[in-house]
Amino acid sequence: MMKIQCFGVARDIAGGPYLSLDQLEGRSVAELRQALLQAYPAFGELVSFAIARNEEYASDEERIEAGDQLVIIPPVAGG
């Protein structure tokens, strides 16, 4: 089970600062997005959200490895 840190509205959707998902090792970031949408349908209501892997924005093709630090970064509005 991997722990994923959540910021902003992602934290509200997850119900706290972290969420956990099983069997992510070896899967792509795109597959992680799909798993998030299945487990937490409210993520589908966001215009977009980024996923960071080991403190860098991750592309959908990247593979998740054991020990990776994963973070969900929701869209940010500014003014």
PDB file of N, CA and C in Angstrom:
ATOM      1  N   MET A   1       0.855  -1.171   0.000  1.00  0.00           N
ATOM      2  CA  MET A   1       0.000   0.000   0.000  1.00  0.00           C
ATOM      3  C   MET A   1       0.902   1.235   0.000  1.00  0.00           C
ATOM      4  N   MET A   2       0.584   2.175  -0.885  1.00  0.00           N
ATOM      5  CA  MET A   2       1.364   3.410  -0.965  1.00  0.00           C
ATOM      6  C   MET A   2       0.542   4.576  -0.451  1.00  0.00           C
ATOM      7  N   LYS A   3       1.226   5.434   0.292  1.00  0.00           N
ATOM      8  CA  LYS A   3       0.611   6.635   0.846  1.00  0.00           C
ATOM      9  C   LYS A   3       0.877   7.787  -0.119  1.00  0.00           C
ATOM     10  N   ILE A   4      -0.188   8.531  -0.447  1.00  0.00           N
ATOM     11  CA  ILE A   4      -0.093   9.644  -1.385  1.00  0.00           C
ATOM     12  C   ILE A   4      -0.504  10.913  -0.654  1.00  0.00           C
ATOM     13  N   GLN A   5       0.356  11.910  -0.691  1.00  0.00           N
ATOM     14  CA  GLN A   5       0.071  13.176  -0.016  1.00  0.00           C
ATOM     15  C   GLN A   5      -0.861  14.019  -0.881  1.00  0.00           C
ATOM     16  N   CYS A   6      -1.772  14.734  -0.234  1.00  0.00           N
ATOM     17  CA  CYS A   6      -2.772  15.540  -0.935  1.00  0.00           C
ATOM     18  C   CYS A   6      -2.721  16.989  -0.458  1.00  0.00           C
ATOM     19  N   PHE A   7      -2.838  17.922  -1.413  1.00  0.00           N
ATOM     20  CA  PHE A   7      -2.874  19.346  -1.101  1.00  0.00           C
ATOM     21  C   PHE A   7      -4.170  19.956  -1.589  1.00  0.00           C
ATOM     22  N   GLY A   8      -4.538  21.102  -1.003  1.00  0.00           N
ATOM     23  CA  GLY A   8      -5.696  21.868  -1.456  1.00  0.00           C
ATOM     24  C   GLY A   8      -6.982  21.061  -1.478  1.00  0.00           C
ATOM     25  N   VAL A   9      -7.720  21.193  -2.567  1.00  0.00           N
ATOM     26  CA  VAL A   9      -9.002  20.510  -2.692  1.00  0.00           C
ATOM     27  C   VAL A   9      -8.820  18.989  -2.736  1.00  0.00           C
ATOM     28  N   ALA A  10      -7.647  18.520  -3.164  1.00  0.00           N
ATOM     29  CA  ALA A  10      -7.381  17.078  -3.156  1.00  0.00           C
ATOM     30  C   ALA A  10      -7.437  16.546  -1.723  1.00  0.00           C
ATOM     31  N   ARG A  11      -6.995  17.349  -0.789  1.00  0.00           N
ATOM     32  CA  ARG A  11      -7.052  16.975   0.627  1.00  0.00           C
ATOM     33  C   ARG A  11      -8.512  16.840   1.081  1.00  0.00           C
ATOM     34  N   ASP A  12      -9.364  17.745   0.612  1.00  0.00           N
ATOM     35  CA  ASP A  12     -10.788  17.673   0.941  1.00  0.00           C
ATOM     36  C   ASP A  12     -11.417  16.408   0.359  1.00  0.00           C
ATOM     37  N   ILE A  13     -11.069  16.102  -0.885  1.00  0.00           N
ATOM     38  CA  ILE A  13     -11.621  14.914  -1.546  1.00  0.00           C
ATOM     39  C   ILE A  13     -11.186  13.644  -0.823  1.00  0.00           C
ATOM     40  N   ALA A  14      -9.925  13.594  -0.431  1.00  0.00           N
ATOM     41  CA  ALA A  14      -9.380  12.410   0.237  1.00  0.00           C
ATOM     42  C   ALA A  14      -9.824  12.299   1.689  1.00  0.00           C
ATOM     43  N   GLY A  15     -10.311  13.401   2.257  1.00  0.00           N
ATOM     44  CA  GLY A  15     -10.727  13.380   3.657  1.00  0.00           C
ATOM     45  C   GLY A  15      -9.572  13.528   4.620  1.00  0.00           C
ATOM     46  N   GLY A  16      -8.437  14.007   4.135  1.00  0.00           N
ATOM     47  CA  GLY A  16      -7.276  14.207   4.994  1.00  0.00           C
ATOM     48  C   GLY A  16      -6.045  14.459   4.162  1.00  0.00           C
ATOM     49  N   PRO A  17      -4.893  14.630   4.800  1.00  0.00           N
ATOM     50  CA  PRO A  17      -3.673  14.983   4.083  1.00  0.00           C
ATOM     51  C   PRO A  17      -3.053  13.836   3.277  1.00  0.00           C
ATOM     52  N   TYR A  18      -3.520  12.623   3.509  1.00  0.00           N
ATOM     53  CA  TYR A  18      -2.988  11.458   2.806  1.00  0.00           C
ATOM     54  C   TYR A  18      -4.119  10.526   2.408  1.00  0.00           C
ATOM     55  N   LEU A  19      -3.889   9.774   1.332  1.00  0.00           N
ATOM     56  CA  LEU A  19      -4.751   8.648   0.989  1.00  0.00           C
ATOM     57  C   LEU A  19      -3.839   7.479   0.656  1.00  0.00           C
ATOM     58  N   SER A  20      -4.360   6.282   0.691  1.00  0.00           N
ATOM     59  CA  SER A  20      -3.560   5.089   0.410  1.00  0.00           C
ATOM     60  C   SER A  20      -4.225   4.257  -0.664  1.00  0.00           C
ATOM     61  N   LEU A  21      -3.407   3.734  -1.575  1.00  0.00           N
ATOM     62  CA  LEU A  21      -3.897   2.849  -2.623  1.00  0.00           C
ATOM     63  C   LEU A  21      -2.983   1.630  -2.707  1.00  0.00           C
ATOM     64  N   ASP A  22      -3.563   0.504  -3.027  1.00  0.00           N
ATOM     65  CA  ASP A  22      -2.817  -0.754  -3.163  1.00  0.00           C
ATOM     66  C   ASP A  22      -2.300  -0.942  -4.580  1.00  0.00           C
ATOM     67  N   GLN A  23      -1.275  -1.744  -4.688  1.00  0.00           N
ATOM     68  CA  GLN A  23      -0.765  -2.269  -5.954  1.00  0.00           C
ATOM     69  C   GLN A  23      -0.436  -1.194  -6.979  1.00  0.00           C
ATOM     70  N   LEU A  24       0.315  -0.182  -6.568  1.00  0.00           N
ATOM     71  CA  LEU A  24       0.719   0.863  -7.498  1.00  0.00           C
ATOM     72  C   LEU A  24       2.101   0.616  -8.098  1.00  0.00           C
ATOM     73  N   GLU A  25       2.938  -0.165  -7.415  1.00  0.00           N
ATOM     74  CA  GLU A  25       4.288  -0.407  -7.911  1.00  0.00           C
ATOM     75  C   GLU A  25       4.224  -1.029  -9.304  1.00  0.00           C
ATOM     76  N   GLY A  26       5.000  -0.461 -10.219  1.00  0.00           N
ATOM     77  CA  GLY A  26       5.054  -0.955 -11.587  1.00  0.00           C
ATOM     78  C   GLY A  26       3.986  -0.371 -12.504  1.00  0.00           C
ATOM     79  N   ARG A  27       3.014   0.297 -11.935  1.00  0.00           N
ATOM     80  CA  ARG A  27       1.965   0.912 -12.749  1.00  0.00           C
ATOM     81  C   ARG A  27       2.407   2.295 -13.193  1.00  0.00           C
ATOM     82  N   SER A  28       1.781   2.800 -14.244  1.00  0.00           N
ATOM     83  CA  SER A  28       2.118   4.131 -14.745  1.00  0.00           C
ATOM     84  C   SER A  28       1.356   5.196 -13.969  1.00  0.00           C
ATOM     85  N   VAL A  29       1.798   6.425 -14.113  1.00  0.00           N
ATOM     86  CA  VAL A  29       1.097   7.547 -13.491  1.00  0.00           C
ATOM     87  C   VAL A  29      -0.316   7.653 -14.071  1.00  0.00           C
ATOM     88  N   ALA A  30      -0.479   7.365 -15.358  1.00  0.00           N
ATOM     89  CA  ALA A  30      -1.814   7.369 -15.975  1.00  0.00           C
ATOM     90  C   ALA A  30      -2.719   6.338 -15.293  1.00  0.00           C
ATOM     91  N   GLU A  31      -2.177   5.172 -14.962  1.00  0.00           N
ATOM     92  CA  GLU A  31      -2.956   4.151 -14.257  1.00  0.00           C
ATOM     93  C   GLU A  31      -3.288   4.605 -12.838  1.00  0.00           C
ATOM     94  N   LEU A  32      -2.374   5.348 -12.218  1.00  0.00           N
ATOM     95  CA  LEU A  32      -2.659   5.918 -10.898  1.00  0.00           C
ATOM     96  C   LEU A  32      -3.838   6.882 -10.995  1.00  0.00           C
ATOM     97  N   ARG A  33      -3.851   7.727 -12.022  1.00  0.00           N
ATOM     98  CA  ARG A  33      -4.977   8.650 -12.211  1.00  0.00           C
ATOM     99  C   ARG A  33      -6.297   7.882 -12.294  1.00  0.00           C
ATOM    100  N   GLN A  34      -6.309   6.806 -13.065  1.00  0.00           N
ATOM    101  CA  GLN A  34      -7.525   5.996 -13.216  1.00  0.00           C
ATOM    102  C   GLN A  34      -7.938   5.393 -11.874  1.00  0.00           C
ATOM    103  N   ALA A  35      -6.972   4.904 -11.107  1.00  0.00           N
ATOM    104  CA  ALA A  35      -7.270   4.326  -9.792  1.00  0.00           C
ATOM    105  C   ALA A  35      -7.844   5.387  -8.859  1.00  0.00           C
ATOM    106  N   LEU A  36      -7.297   6.601  -8.929  1.00  0.00           N
ATOM    107  CA  LEU A  36      -7.807   7.698  -8.098  1.00  0.00           C
ATOM    108  C   LEU A  36      -9.249   8.033  -8.469  1.00  0.00           C
ATOM    109  N   LEU A  37      -9.535   8.081  -9.768  1.00  0.00           N
ATOM    110  CA  LEU A  37     -10.890   8.399 -10.224  1.00  0.00           C
ATOM    111  C   LEU A  37     -11.887   7.327  -9.808  1.00  0.00           C
ATOM    112  N   GLN A  38     -11.445   6.075  -9.791  1.00  0.00           N
ATOM    113  CA  GLN A  38     -12.333   4.987  -9.352  1.00  0.00           C
ATOM    114  C   GLN A  38     -12.581   5.048  -7.850  1.00  0.00           C
ATOM    115  N   ALA A  39     -11.527   5.254  -7.081  1.00  0.00           N
ATOM    116  CA  ALA A  39     -11.650   5.253  -5.627  1.00  0.00           C
ATOM    117  C   ALA A  39     -12.256   6.548  -5.089  1.00  0.00           C
ATOM    118  N   TYR A  40     -11.998   7.653  -5.790  1.00  0.00           N
ATOM    119  CA  TYR A  40     -12.458   8.975  -5.354  1.00  0.00           C
ATOM    120  C   TYR A  40     -13.050   9.704  -6.567  1.00  0.00           C
ATOM    121  N   PRO A  41     -14.294   9.407  -6.942  1.00  0.00           N
ATOM    122  CA  PRO A  41     -14.904   9.994  -8.146  1.00  0.00           C
ATOM    123  C   PRO A  41     -14.883  11.528  -8.180  1.00  0.00           C
ATOM    124  N   ALA A  42     -14.809  12.175  -7.041  1.00  0.00           N
ATOM    125  CA  ALA A  42     -14.797  13.641  -7.011  1.00  0.00           C
ATOM    126  C   ALA A  42     -13.570  14.213  -7.721  1.00  0.00           C
ATOM    127  N   PHE A  43     -12.496  13.436  -7.871  1.00  0.00           N
ATOM    128  CA  PHE A  43     -11.347  13.923  -8.634  1.00  0.00           C
ATOM    129  C   PHE A  43     -11.743  14.211 -10.077  1.00  0.00           C
ATOM    130  N   GLY A  44     -12.743  13.527 -10.582  1.00  0.00           N
ATOM    131  CA  GLY A  44     -13.223  13.760 -11.933  1.00  0.00           C
ATOM    132  C   GLY A  44     -13.888  15.106 -12.113  1.00  0.00           C
ATOM    133  N   GLU A  45     -14.278  15.745 -11.020  1.00  0.00           N
ATOM    134  CA  GLU A  45     -14.907  17.059 -11.081  1.00  0.00           C
ATOM    135  C   GLU A  45     -13.882  18.194 -11.186  1.00  0.00           C
ATOM    136  N   LEU A  46     -12.616  17.887 -10.952  1.00  0.00           N
ATOM    137  CA  LEU A  46     -11.567  18.900 -11.070  1.00  0.00           C
ATOM    138  C   LEU A  46     -11.249  19.133 -12.542  1.00  0.00           C
ATOM    139  N   VAL A  47     -10.920  20.356 -12.894  1.00  0.00           N
ATOM    140  CA  VAL A  47     -10.523  20.667 -14.265  1.00  0.00           C
ATOM    141  C   VAL A  47      -9.285  19.848 -14.634  1.00  0.00           C
ATOM    142  N   SER A  48      -8.373  19.757 -13.700  1.00  0.00           N
ATOM    143  CA  SER A  48      -7.162  18.956 -13.881  1.00  0.00           C
ATOM    144  C   SER A  48      -6.503  18.789 -12.519  1.00  0.00           C
ATOM    145  N   PHE A  49      -5.582  17.870 -12.445  1.00  0.00           N
ATOM    146  CA  PHE A  49      -4.728  17.758 -11.263  1.00  0.00           C
ATOM    147  C   PHE A  49      -3.418  17.119 -11.688  1.00  0.00           C
ATOM    148  N   ALA A  50      -2.356  17.573 -11.074  1.00  0.00           N
ATOM    149  CA  ALA A  50      -1.029  17.048 -11.390  1.00  0.00           C
ATOM    150  C   ALA A  50      -0.628  16.023 -10.343  1.00  0.00           C
ATOM    151  N   ILE A  51       0.262  15.155 -10.743  1.00  0.00           N
ATOM    152  CA  ILE A  51       0.842  14.193  -9.818  1.00  0.00           C
ATOM    153  C   ILE A  51       2.347  14.397  -9.837  1.00  0.00           C
ATOM    154  N   ALA A  52       2.906  14.554  -8.649  1.00  0.00           N
ATOM    155  CA  ALA A  52       4.356  14.677  -8.523  1.00  0.00           C
ATOM    156  C   ALA A  52       4.898  13.356  -8.003  1.00  0.00           C
ATOM    157  N   ARG A  53       6.047  12.993  -8.525  1.00  0.00           N
ATOM    158  CA  ARG A  53       6.733  11.763  -8.098  1.00  0.00           C
ATOM    159  C   ARG A  53       8.147  12.171  -7.703  1.00  0.00           C
ATOM    160  N   ASN A  54       8.459  11.954  -6.434  1.00  0.00           N
ATOM    161  CA  ASN A  54       9.791  12.290  -5.919  1.00  0.00           C
ATOM    162  C   ASN A  54      10.145  13.756  -6.183  1.00  0.00           C
ATOM    163  N   GLU A  55       9.189  14.632  -5.847  1.00  0.00           N
ATOM    164  CA  GLU A  55       9.354  16.085  -5.859  1.00  0.00           C
ATOM    165  C   GLU A  55       9.478  16.695  -7.253  1.00  0.00           C
ATOM    166  N   GLU A  56       9.042  15.966  -8.295  1.00  0.00           N
ATOM    167  CA  GLU A  56       9.012  16.508  -9.651  1.00  0.00           C
ATOM    168  C   GLU A  56       7.697  16.127 -10.299  1.00  0.00           C
ATOM    169  N   TYR A  57       7.160  17.028 -11.126  1.00  0.00           N
ATOM    170  CA  TYR A  57       5.933  16.689 -11.841  1.00  0.00           C
ATOM    171  C   TYR A  57       6.179  15.436 -12.676  1.00  0.00           C
ATOM    172  N   ALA A  58       5.213  14.523 -12.632  1.00  0.00           N
ATOM    173  CA  ALA A  58       5.366  13.236 -13.313  1.00  0.00           C
ATOM    174  C   ALA A  58       4.560  13.217 -14.611  1.00  0.00           C
ATOM    175  N   SER A  59       5.129  12.616 -15.641  1.00  0.00           N
ATOM    176  CA  SER A  59       4.398  12.410 -16.892  1.00  0.00           C
ATOM    177  C   SER A  59       3.570  11.134 -16.753  1.00  0.00           C
ATOM    178  N   ASP A  60       2.537  11.023 -17.563  1.00  0.00           N
ATOM    179  CA  ASP A  60       1.643   9.862 -17.480  1.00  0.00           C
ATOM    180  C   ASP A  60       2.355   8.547 -17.771  1.00  0.00           C
ATOM    181  N   GLU A  61       3.462   8.589 -18.496  1.00  0.00           N
ATOM    182  CA  GLU A  61       4.173   7.363 -18.875  1.00  0.00           C
ATOM    183  C   GLU A  61       5.100   6.834 -17.784  1.00  0.00           C
ATOM    184  N   GLU A  62       5.443   7.677 -16.816  1.00  0.00           N
ATOM    185  CA  GLU A  62       6.385   7.252 -15.772  1.00  0.00           C
ATOM    186  C   GLU A  62       5.823   6.092 -14.973  1.00  0.00           C
ATOM    187  N   ARG A  63       6.713   5.191 -14.569  1.00  0.00           N
ATOM    188  CA  ARG A  63       6.339   4.031 -13.761  1.00  0.00           C
ATOM    189  C   ARG A  63       6.593   4.322 -12.288  1.00  0.00           C
ATOM    190  N   ILE A  64       5.672   3.891 -11.456  1.00  0.00           N
ATOM    191  CA  ILE A  64       5.770   4.084 -10.015  1.00  0.00           C
ATOM    192  C   ILE A  64       6.587   2.942  -9.426  1.00  0.00           C
ATOM    193  N   GLU A  65       7.524   3.296  -8.575  1.00  0.00           N
ATOM    194  CA  GLU A  65       8.381   2.305  -7.936  1.00  0.00           C
ATOM    195  C   GLU A  65       8.178   2.327  -6.427  1.00  0.00           C
ATOM    196  N   ALA A  66       8.468   1.200  -5.797  1.00  0.00           N
ATOM    197  CA  ALA A  66       8.384   1.133  -4.341  1.00  0.00           C
ATOM    198  C   ALA A  66       9.258   2.228  -3.752  1.00  0.00           C
ATOM    199  N   GLY A  67       8.753   2.911  -2.759  1.00  0.00           N
ATOM    200  CA  GLY A  67       9.498   3.963  -2.094  1.00  0.00           C
ATOM    201  C   GLY A  67       9.324   5.342  -2.706  1.00  0.00           C
ATOM    202  N   ASP A  68       8.609   5.431  -3.832  1.00  0.00           N
ATOM    203  CA  ASP A  68       8.368   6.745  -4.424  1.00  0.00           C
ATOM    204  C   ASP A  68       7.526   7.602  -3.495  1.00  0.00           C
ATOM    205  N   GLN A  69       7.802   8.901  -3.514  1.00  0.00           N
ATOM    206  CA  GLN A  69       6.976   9.870  -2.806  1.00  0.00           C
ATOM    207  C   GLN A  69       6.005  10.437  -3.831  1.00  0.00           C
ATOM    208  N   LEU A  70       4.708  10.237  -3.612  1.00  0.00           N
ATOM    209  CA  LEU A  70       3.677  10.683  -4.542  1.00  0.00           C
ATOM    210  C   LEU A  70       2.844  11.789  -3.915  1.00  0.00           C
ATOM    211  N   VAL A  71       2.526  12.808  -4.723  1.00  0.00           N
ATOM    212  CA  VAL A  71       1.753  13.946  -4.252  1.00  0.00           C
ATOM    213  C   VAL A  71       0.729  14.312  -5.323  1.00  0.00           C
ATOM    214  N   ILE A  72      -0.503  14.588  -4.900  1.00  0.00           N
ATOM    215  CA  ILE A  72      -1.546  15.078  -5.796  1.00  0.00           C
ATOM    216  C   ILE A  72      -1.600  16.594  -5.636  1.00  0.00           C
ATOM    217  N   ILE A  73      -1.452  17.290  -6.772  1.00  0.00           N
ATOM    218  CA  ILE A  73      -1.460  18.747  -6.759  1.00  0.00           C
ATOM    219  C   ILE A  73      -2.655  19.222  -7.578  1.00  0.00           C
ATOM    220  N   PRO A  74      -3.672  19.776  -6.914  1.00  0.00           N
ATOM    221  CA  PRO A  74      -4.855  20.243  -7.635  1.00  0.00           C
ATOM    222  C   PRO A  74      -4.577  21.534  -8.388  1.00  0.00           C
ATOM    223  N   PRO A  75      -5.488  21.937  -9.276  1.00  0.00           N
ATOM    224  CA  PRO A  75      -5.295  23.211  -9.968  1.00  0.00           C
ATOM    225  C   PRO A  75      -5.251  24.354  -8.953  1.00  0.00           C
ATOM    226  N   VAL A  76      -4.456  25.359  -9.272  1.00  0.00           N
ATOM    227  CA  VAL A  76      -4.289  26.501  -8.382  1.00  0.00           C
ATOM    228  C   VAL A  76      -4.833  27.736  -9.073  1.00  0.00           C
ATOM    229  N   ALA A  77      -5.682  28.451  -8.368  1.00  0.00           N
ATOM    230  CA  ALA A  77      -6.211  29.714  -8.893  1.00  0.00           C
ATOM    231  C   ALA A  77      -5.472  30.846  -8.208  1.00  0.00           C
ATOM    232  N   GLY A  78      -5.208  31.860  -8.953  1.00  0.00           N
ATOM    233  CA  GLY A  78      -4.499  32.998  -8.369  1.00  0.00           C
ATOM    234  C   GLY A  78      -5.077  34.311  -8.866  1.00  0.00           C
ATOM    235  N   GLY A  79      -4.632  35.351  -8.266  1.00  0.00           N
ATOM    236  CA  GLY A  79      -5.146  36.639  -8.700  1.00  0.00           C
ATOM    237  C   GLY A  79      -4.203  37.753  -8.419  1.00  0.00           C
TER     238      GLY A  79
END
